[in-house]
Amino acid sequence: GEAWSVTTPAGGTTSFDQVRILTAKEASIKIIGSSDSYTVNLSIPMKAIGFQIRKDLELRIDWGIISTVEGNLPIARNYWANKMAVGVTDEPTEARLHPNLWGHVVFKTIRGKADLIKIKEDVDLGVTEGGQQADDVLDDDIEDLFD
């Protein structure tokens, strides 16, 4: 990967040491659509981004959705943990990372796979009360990360 930096008068400068595009072999995208909705499943193997999952590994993470009407102009951002990341008009501000506003995930390793995760935030991710066990969809997506 290469270093990346962006600057605007309003947002200042945001820089990253390394940014790279994952290949189709490193990530997979599945789109399931109907006449009035669609679901996008993105799977990125942990090894593709340099993570080694081990029992009881706790990570600060966040993920989100950038919405657009026609595919070329973002109109909204919605993140799992950082509810303050809503701006869509200033690239340096949008790119900045704020791990202090992220949630926590603990991986529980069973048979070498992350079959069970514990999410330490009360969020609607299809987990049972108390965040104990992932539902079938999330469990399948987690399995894909390790294939």
C-alpha atoms as a PDB file:
ATOM      1  CA  GLY A   1       0.000   0.000   0.000  1.00  0.00           C
ATOM      2  CA  GLU A   2       0.892   3.617  -0.317  1.00  0.00           C
ATOM      3  CA  ALA A   3       0.640   6.610   1.984  1.00  0.00           C
ATOM      4  CA  TRP A   4      -2.487   8.718   1.490  1.00  0.00           C
ATOM      5  CA  SER A   5      -3.310  12.270   2.513  1.00  0.00           C
ATOM      6  CA  VAL A   6      -6.152  14.707   1.823  1.00  0.00           C
ATOM      7  CA  THR A   7      -6.520  18.393   2.708  1.00  0.00           C
ATOM      8  CA  THR A   8      -9.354  20.917   2.572  1.00  0.00           C
ATOM      9  CA  PRO A   9      -9.534  24.463   3.982  1.00  0.00           C
ATOM     10  CA  ALA A  10     -12.387  23.511   6.330  1.00  0.00           C
ATOM     11  CA  GLY A  11     -11.235  20.070   7.456  1.00  0.00           C
ATOM     12  CA  GLY A  12      -7.463  20.447   7.537  1.00  0.00           C
ATOM     13  CA  THR A  13      -5.355  17.400   6.662  1.00  0.00           C
ATOM     14  CA  THR A  14      -5.898  13.709   7.338  1.00  0.00           C
ATOM     15  CA  SER A  15      -3.135  11.206   6.500  1.00  0.00           C
ATOM     16  CA  PHE A  16      -2.682   7.440   6.607  1.00  0.00           C
ATOM     17  CA  ASP A  17       0.621   5.544   6.424  1.00  0.00           C
ATOM     18  CA  GLN A  18      -0.843   2.882   4.171  1.00  0.00           C
ATOM     19  CA  VAL A  19      -3.952   2.586   2.002  1.00  0.00           C
ATOM     20  CA  ARG A  20      -4.456  -0.225  -0.474  1.00  0.00           C
ATOM     21  CA  ILE A  21      -7.211  -1.730  -2.577  1.00  0.00           C
ATOM     22  CA  LEU A  22      -8.022  -5.361  -1.798  1.00  0.00           C
ATOM     23  CA  THR A  23      -8.186  -7.744  -4.739  1.00  0.00           C
ATOM     24  CA  ALA A  24     -11.192  -9.916  -5.565  1.00  0.00           C
ATOM     25  CA  LYS A  25      -9.275 -12.854  -4.054  1.00  0.00           C
ATOM     26  CA  GLU A  26      -8.881 -10.967  -0.772  1.00  0.00           C
ATOM     27  CA  ALA A  27     -12.460  -9.755  -0.371  1.00  0.00           C
ATOM     28  CA  SER A  28     -15.851 -10.883  -1.583  1.00  0.00           C
ATOM     29  CA  ILE A  29     -19.074  -8.979  -2.099  1.00  0.00           C
ATOM     30  CA  LYS A  30     -22.501 -10.625  -2.281  1.00  0.00           C
ATOM     31  CA  ILE A  31     -25.506  -8.527  -3.292  1.00  0.00           C
ATOM     32  CA  ILE A  32     -28.988  -9.910  -2.722  1.00  0.00           C
ATOM     33  CA  GLY A  33     -31.777  -7.729  -4.073  1.00  0.00           C
ATOM     34  CA  SER A  34     -35.506  -7.557  -4.507  1.00  0.00           C
ATOM     35  CA  SER A  35     -37.825  -5.002  -6.092  1.00  0.00           C
ATOM     36  CA  ASP A  36     -37.707  -2.672  -3.080  1.00  0.00           C
ATOM     37  CA  SER A  37     -34.532  -3.494  -1.130  1.00  0.00           C
ATOM     38  CA  TYR A  38     -31.122  -5.071  -1.226  1.00  0.00           C
ATOM     39  CA  THR A  39     -28.539  -6.518   1.135  1.00  0.00           C
ATOM     40  CA  VAL A  40     -24.800  -6.227   0.604  1.00  0.00           C
ATOM     41  CA  ASN A  41     -22.532  -8.708   2.391  1.00  0.00           C
ATOM     42  CA  LEU A  42     -18.851  -7.806   2.371  1.00  0.00           C
ATOM     43  CA  SER A  43     -16.356 -10.374   3.645  1.00  0.00           C
ATOM     44  CA  ILE A  44     -12.737  -9.465   4.230  1.00  0.00           C
ATOM     45  CA  PRO A  45     -10.514 -12.246   5.593  1.00  0.00           C
ATOM     46  CA  MET A  46      -8.689 -11.023   8.680  1.00  0.00           C
ATOM     47  CA  LYS A  47      -5.328 -12.090   7.235  1.00  0.00           C
ATOM     48  CA  ALA A  48      -5.899  -9.713   4.284  1.00  0.00           C
ATOM     49  CA  ILE A  49      -5.774  -6.765   6.688  1.00  0.00           C
ATOM     50  CA  GLY A  50      -3.057  -8.171   8.935  1.00  0.00           C
ATOM     51  CA  PHE A  51      -5.135  -9.489  11.840  1.00  0.00           C
ATOM     52  CA  GLN A  52      -4.550 -12.802  13.542  1.00  0.00           C
ATOM     53  CA  ILE A  53      -7.678 -13.849  15.444  1.00  0.00           C
ATOM     54  CA  ARG A  54      -7.007 -15.667  18.699  1.00  0.00           C
ATOM     55  CA  LYS A  55      -9.096 -16.680  21.677  1.00  0.00           C
ATOM     56  CA  ASP A  56     -10.410 -13.744  23.702  1.00  0.00           C
ATOM     57  CA  LEU A  57      -8.929 -11.166  21.320  1.00  0.00           C
ATOM     58  CA  GLU A  58     -10.633  -7.845  21.998  1.00  0.00           C
ATOM     59  CA  LEU A  59     -10.676  -5.189  19.293  1.00  0.00           C
ATOM     60  CA  ARG A  60     -12.059  -1.690  19.109  1.00  0.00           C
ATOM     61  CA  ILE A  61     -13.978  -1.549  15.841  1.00  0.00           C
ATOM     62  CA  ASP A  62     -16.601   0.336  13.940  1.00  0.00           C
ATOM     63  CA  TRP A  63     -18.249  -0.152  10.591  1.00  0.00           C
ATOM     64  CA  GLY A  64     -20.836   1.734   8.703  1.00  0.00           C
ATOM     65  CA  ILE A  65     -22.912   2.453   5.661  1.00  0.00           C
ATOM     66  CA  ILE A  66     -22.514   5.377   3.304  1.00  0.00           C
ATOM     67  CA  SER A  67     -25.836   6.043   1.565  1.00  0.00           C
ATOM     68  CA  THR A  68     -26.379   7.535  -1.857  1.00  0.00           C
ATOM     69  CA  VAL A  69     -29.361   8.024  -4.124  1.00  0.00           C
ATOM     70  CA  GLU A  70     -27.715   7.425  -7.486  1.00  0.00           C
ATOM     71  CA  GLY A  71     -24.360   5.931  -6.524  1.00  0.00           C
ATOM     72  CA  ASN A  72     -22.094   8.930  -6.920  1.00  0.00           C
ATOM     73  CA  LEU A  73     -22.896  11.494  -4.216  1.00  0.00           C
ATOM     74  CA  PRO A  74     -22.988  10.420  -0.562  1.00  0.00           C
ATOM     75  CA  ILE A  75     -25.960  11.812   1.342  1.00  0.00           C
ATOM     76  CA  ALA A  76     -25.647  10.052   4.721  1.00  0.00           C
ATOM     77  CA  ARG A  77     -23.298   8.000   6.901  1.00  0.00           C
ATOM     78  CA  ASN A  78     -24.498   5.620   9.610  1.00  0.00           C
ATOM     79  CA  TYR A  79     -22.036   3.771  11.835  1.00  0.00           C
ATOM     80  CA  TRP A  80     -22.546   0.992  14.358  1.00  0.00           C
ATOM     81  CA  ALA A  81     -20.801   2.702  17.274  1.00  0.00           C
ATOM     82  CA  ASN A  82     -19.666   6.226  16.356  1.00  0.00           C
ATOM     83  CA  LYS A  83     -22.965   8.065  15.973  1.00  0.00           C
ATOM     84  CA  MET A  84     -21.088  11.383  15.635  1.00  0.00           C
ATOM     85  CA  ALA A  85     -19.604  10.413  12.234  1.00  0.00           C
ATOM     86  CA  VAL A  86     -22.368  11.820  10.054  1.00  0.00           C
ATOM     87  CA  GLY A  87     -20.684  14.405   7.812  1.00  0.00           C
ATOM     88  CA  VAL A  88     -20.597  13.832   4.051  1.00  0.00           C
ATOM     89  CA  THR A  89     -19.168  17.113   2.757  1.00  0.00           C
ATOM     90  CA  ASP A  90     -15.513  17.177   3.866  1.00  0.00           C
ATOM     91  CA  GLU A  91     -13.161  14.327   2.954  1.00  0.00           C
ATOM     92  CA  PRO A  92     -10.499  14.885   5.684  1.00  0.00           C
ATOM     93  CA  THR A  93     -13.202  15.016   8.364  1.00  0.00           C
ATOM     94  CA  GLU A  94     -14.903  11.879   7.005  1.00  0.00           C
ATOM     95  CA  ALA A  95     -11.617   9.958   6.814  1.00  0.00           C
ATOM     96  CA  ARG A  96     -10.466  10.712  10.370  1.00  0.00           C
ATOM     97  CA  LEU A  97     -10.477   7.759  12.747  1.00  0.00           C
ATOM     98  CA  HIS A  98     -11.776   8.163  16.310  1.00  0.00           C
ATOM     99  CA  PRO A  99     -11.161   4.828  18.095  1.00  0.00           C
ATOM    100  CA  ASN A 100     -12.305   6.393  21.379  1.00  0.00           C
ATOM    101  CA  LEU A 101     -15.820   6.402  19.842  1.00  0.00           C
ATOM    102  CA  TRP A 102     -15.731   2.797  18.571  1.00  0.00           C
ATOM    103  CA  GLY A 103     -17.297  -0.297  20.091  1.00  0.00           C
ATOM    104  CA  HIS A 104     -15.568  -3.437  21.348  1.00  0.00           C
ATOM    105  CA  VAL A 105     -15.703  -6.975  19.981  1.00  0.00           C
ATOM    106  CA  VAL A 106     -14.308 -10.031  21.762  1.00  0.00           C
ATOM    107  CA  PHE A 107     -13.616 -13.118  19.626  1.00  0.00           C
ATOM    108  CA  LYS A 108     -14.224 -16.490  21.272  1.00  0.00           C
ATOM    109  CA  THR A 109     -12.319 -19.183  19.397  1.00  0.00           C
ATOM    110  CA  ILE A 110     -13.899 -22.616  18.972  1.00  0.00           C
ATOM    111  CA  ARG A 111     -12.314 -25.220  16.679  1.00  0.00           C
ATOM    112  CA  GLY A 112     -10.033 -22.534  15.248  1.00  0.00           C
ATOM    113  CA  LYS A 113     -12.923 -20.413  13.967  1.00  0.00           C
ATOM    114  CA  ALA A 114     -14.718 -17.432  15.427  1.00  0.00           C
ATOM    115  CA  ASP A 115     -17.957 -19.332  15.953  1.00  0.00           C
ATOM    116  CA  LEU A 116     -18.962 -17.172  18.877  1.00  0.00           C
ATOM    117  CA  ILE A 117     -18.439 -13.475  19.417  1.00  0.00           C
ATOM    118  CA  LYS A 118     -19.365 -11.213  22.259  1.00  0.00           C
ATOM    119  CA  ILE A 119     -20.229  -7.644  21.445  1.00  0.00           C
ATOM    120  CA  LYS A 120     -19.716  -5.348  24.411  1.00  0.00           C
ATOM    121  CA  GLU A 121     -22.231  -2.727  23.281  1.00  0.00           C
ATOM    122  CA  ASP A 122     -26.027  -2.950  23.278  1.00  0.00           C
ATOM    123  CA  VAL A 123     -26.615  -2.795  19.541  1.00  0.00           C
ATOM    124  CA  ASP A 124     -29.032  -4.428  17.150  1.00  0.00           C
ATOM    125  CA  LEU A 125     -26.750  -6.770  15.221  1.00  0.00           C
ATOM    126  CA  GLY A 126     -28.880  -9.872  15.395  1.00  0.00           C
ATOM    127  CA  VAL A 127     -27.338 -11.068  18.639  1.00  0.00           C
ATOM    128  CA  THR A 128     -29.310 -12.477  21.527  1.00  0.00           C
ATOM    129  CA  GLU A 129     -29.978 -10.546  24.715  1.00  0.00           C
ATOM    130  CA  GLY A 130     -26.698  -9.876  26.455  1.00  0.00           C
ATOM    131  CA  GLY A 131     -24.699 -10.209  23.239  1.00  0.00           C
ATOM    132  CA  GLN A 132     -23.883 -13.869  23.793  1.00  0.00           C
ATOM    133  CA  GLN A 133     -24.293 -15.644  20.461  1.00  0.00           C
ATOM    134  CA  ALA A 134     -24.296 -14.446  16.861  1.00  0.00           C
ATOM    135  CA  ASP A 135     -27.371 -15.215  14.774  1.00  0.00           C
ATOM    136  CA  ASP A 136     -27.181 -17.459  11.708  1.00  0.00           C
ATOM    137  CA  VAL A 137     -26.475 -14.641   9.252  1.00  0.00           C
ATOM    138  CA  LEU A 138     -23.729 -13.053  11.326  1.00  0.00           C
ATOM    139  CA  ASP A 139     -22.302 -16.489  12.116  1.00  0.00           C
ATOM    140  CA  ASP A 140     -22.102 -17.315   8.384  1.00  0.00           C
ATOM    141  CA  ASP A 141     -20.393 -14.000   7.683  1.00  0.00           C
ATOM    142  CA  ILE A 142     -17.869 -14.651  10.447  1.00  0.00           C
ATOM    143  CA  GLU A 143     -17.145 -18.100   9.008  1.00  0.00           C
ATOM    144  CA  ASP A 144     -16.460 -16.446   5.623  1.00  0.00           C
ATOM    145  CA  LEU A 145     -13.771 -14.304   7.238  1.00  0.00           C
ATOM    146  CA  PHE A 146     -11.691 -17.375   8.001  1.00  0.00           C
ATOM    147  CA  ASP A 147     -12.128 -19.318   4.748  1.00  0.00           C
END
